Amino acid sequence: NTEAYDEFGSTLSLSRDGRLLAIGARGEDSGATGIDGDQTDNSVTEAGAVYLFRF
């Protein structure tokens, strides 16, 4: 999520217990999956992405 128009933070959702945060990036173009995917990959135009953070 290294580009300005990836719109990281365009959507947010917090689990009921406050331990899981989902952050959307609706403009993300990457086809990468998993942890440490290729952030420069722009092979899937406007695919979008969700990033999950557990606390």
N, C-alpha and C. Protein backbone atom coordinates (compact mmCIF):
# COMPACT_ATOMS: atom_id res chain seq x y z
N ASN A 1 0.83 -1.17 0.00
CA ASN A 1 0.00 0.00 0.00
C ASN A 1 0.88 1.23 0.00
N THR A 2 1.68 1.35 -1.01
CA THR A 2 2.68 2.40 -1.03
C THR A 2 2.33 3.60 -1.88
N GLU A 3 1.18 3.60 -2.52
CA GLU A 3 0.83 4.69 -3.42
C GLU A 3 -0.30 5.55 -2.84
N ALA A 4 -0.29 6.82 -3.19
CA ALA A 4 -1.24 7.79 -2.64
C ALA A 4 -2.70 7.42 -2.93
N TYR A 5 -2.99 6.90 -4.09
CA TYR A 5 -4.39 6.65 -4.46
C TYR A 5 -4.89 5.26 -4.08
N ASP A 6 -4.14 4.55 -3.25
CA ASP A 6 -4.61 3.26 -2.75
C ASP A 6 -5.72 3.46 -1.71
N GLU A 7 -5.81 4.65 -1.15
CA GLU A 7 -6.85 5.03 -0.20
C GLU A 7 -6.87 4.17 1.06
N PHE A 8 -5.70 3.88 1.60
CA PHE A 8 -5.60 3.15 2.86
C PHE A 8 -6.34 3.95 3.93
N GLY A 9 -7.22 3.30 4.65
CA GLY A 9 -8.00 3.96 5.69
C GLY A 9 -9.35 4.46 5.20
N SER A 10 -9.70 4.14 3.96
CA SER A 10 -10.99 4.60 3.41
C SER A 10 -12.17 3.98 4.15
N THR A 11 -11.97 2.82 4.75
CA THR A 11 -12.99 2.19 5.59
C THR A 11 -12.32 1.58 6.81
N LEU A 12 -13.02 1.60 7.91
CA LEU A 12 -12.51 1.03 9.17
C LEU A 12 -13.62 0.23 9.84
N SER A 13 -13.22 -0.84 10.50
CA SER A 13 -14.17 -1.62 11.29
C SER A 13 -13.43 -2.23 12.48
N LEU A 14 -14.02 -2.09 13.65
CA LEU A 14 -13.44 -2.64 14.87
C LEU A 14 -14.36 -3.72 15.40
N SER A 15 -13.78 -4.86 15.76
CA SER A 15 -14.60 -5.96 16.29
C SER A 15 -15.27 -5.54 17.59
N ARG A 16 -16.30 -6.25 17.94
CA ARG A 16 -17.08 -5.93 19.13
C ARG A 16 -16.22 -5.91 20.40
N ASP A 17 -15.25 -6.83 20.49
CA ASP A 17 -14.40 -6.88 21.69
C ASP A 17 -13.20 -5.94 21.59
N GLY A 18 -13.05 -5.22 20.47
CA GLY A 18 -11.98 -4.24 20.31
C GLY A 18 -10.61 -4.83 20.05
N ARG A 19 -10.54 -6.11 19.73
CA ARG A 19 -9.24 -6.76 19.56
C ARG A 19 -8.83 -6.92 18.10
N LEU A 20 -9.74 -6.69 17.16
CA LEU A 20 -9.42 -6.85 15.74
C LEU A 20 -9.88 -5.61 14.98
N LEU A 21 -8.96 -5.00 14.25
CA LEU A 21 -9.24 -3.81 13.46
C LEU A 21 -9.05 -4.15 11.99
N ALA A 22 -10.05 -3.86 11.17
CA ALA A 22 -9.96 -4.05 9.72
C ALA A 22 -9.89 -2.68 9.07
N ILE A 23 -8.90 -2.48 8.21
CA ILE A 23 -8.72 -1.22 7.51
C ILE A 23 -8.75 -1.49 6.01
N GLY A 24 -9.63 -0.79 5.31
CA GLY A 24 -9.78 -0.98 3.88
C GLY A 24 -8.91 -0.03 3.07
N ALA A 25 -8.56 -0.50 1.89
CA ALA A 25 -7.84 0.32 0.90
C ALA A 25 -8.51 0.05 -0.44
N ARG A 26 -9.58 0.78 -0.71
CA ARG A 26 -10.41 0.46 -1.87
C ARG A 26 -9.73 0.70 -3.21
N GLY A 27 -8.66 1.47 -3.25
CA GLY A 27 -7.96 1.73 -4.51
C GLY A 27 -6.73 0.87 -4.72
N GLU A 28 -6.47 -0.05 -3.81
CA GLU A 28 -5.29 -0.92 -3.92
C GLU A 28 -5.34 -1.71 -5.22
N ASP A 29 -4.22 -1.74 -5.95
CA ASP A 29 -4.13 -2.42 -7.25
C ASP A 29 -3.32 -3.70 -7.21
N SER A 30 -2.84 -4.10 -6.07
CA SER A 30 -1.92 -5.23 -5.99
C SER A 30 -2.63 -6.58 -6.05
N GLY A 31 -1.98 -7.53 -6.68
CA GLY A 31 -2.45 -8.91 -6.69
C GLY A 31 -1.74 -9.74 -5.64
N ALA A 32 -0.86 -9.10 -4.85
CA ALA A 32 -0.09 -9.80 -3.82
C ALA A 32 -1.02 -10.28 -2.70
N THR A 33 -0.65 -11.38 -2.07
CA THR A 33 -1.42 -11.91 -0.94
C THR A 33 -0.49 -12.22 0.22
N GLY A 34 -1.06 -12.31 1.40
CA GLY A 34 -0.29 -12.71 2.57
C GLY A 34 0.58 -11.61 3.14
N ILE A 35 1.40 -12.02 4.07
CA ILE A 35 2.31 -11.10 4.76
C ILE A 35 3.52 -10.82 3.89
N ASP A 36 3.94 -9.57 3.84
CA ASP A 36 5.11 -9.13 3.07
C ASP A 36 4.96 -9.35 1.57
N GLY A 37 3.75 -9.18 1.05
CA GLY A 37 3.52 -9.25 -0.39
C GLY A 37 4.23 -8.11 -1.11
N ASP A 38 4.34 -8.20 -2.41
CA ASP A 38 5.02 -7.19 -3.23
C ASP A 38 4.17 -5.92 -3.28
N GLN A 39 4.56 -4.89 -2.55
CA GLN A 39 3.80 -3.65 -2.48
C GLN A 39 3.85 -2.84 -3.77
N THR A 40 4.76 -3.16 -4.66
CA THR A 40 4.85 -2.43 -5.93
C THR A 40 4.05 -3.11 -7.04
N ASP A 41 3.45 -4.26 -6.76
CA ASP A 41 2.64 -4.99 -7.73
C ASP A 41 1.35 -4.21 -8.00
N ASN A 42 1.10 -3.85 -9.24
CA ASN A 42 -0.14 -3.16 -9.62
C ASN A 42 -0.86 -3.92 -10.71
N SER A 43 -0.89 -5.24 -10.61
CA SER A 43 -1.40 -6.09 -11.68
C SER A 43 -2.92 -6.26 -11.68
N VAL A 44 -3.61 -5.84 -10.62
CA VAL A 44 -5.06 -6.04 -10.53
C VAL A 44 -5.71 -4.68 -10.23
N THR A 45 -6.03 -3.95 -11.28
CA THR A 45 -6.54 -2.59 -11.15
C THR A 45 -7.78 -2.52 -10.27
N GLU A 46 -7.72 -1.61 -9.27
CA GLU A 46 -8.84 -1.34 -8.35
C GLU A 46 -9.39 -2.58 -7.66
N ALA A 47 -8.53 -3.54 -7.35
CA ALA A 47 -8.96 -4.76 -6.66
C ALA A 47 -9.42 -4.47 -5.24
N GLY A 48 -8.76 -3.53 -4.58
CA GLY A 48 -9.05 -3.24 -3.19
C GLY A 48 -8.33 -4.23 -2.27
N ALA A 49 -8.27 -3.88 -1.00
CA ALA A 49 -7.60 -4.74 -0.03
C ALA A 49 -8.15 -4.45 1.37
N VAL A 50 -8.00 -5.43 2.24
CA VAL A 50 -8.33 -5.27 3.65
C VAL A 50 -7.12 -5.70 4.45
N TYR A 51 -6.73 -4.88 5.40
CA TYR A 51 -5.60 -5.17 6.29
C TYR A 51 -6.17 -5.41 7.68
N LEU A 52 -5.76 -6.51 8.31
CA LEU A 52 -6.27 -6.87 9.63
C LEU A 52 -5.17 -6.72 10.67
N PHE A 53 -5.52 -6.10 11.79
CA PHE A 53 -4.59 -5.90 12.89
C PHE A 53 -5.24 -6.45 14.16
N ARG A 54 -4.54 -7.36 14.82
CA ARG A 54 -5.05 -7.96 16.05
C ARG A 54 -4.30 -7.35 17.24
N PHE A 55 -5.05 -6.99 18.27
CA PHE A 55 -4.47 -6.38 19.47
C PHE A 55 -4.63 -7.29 20.66
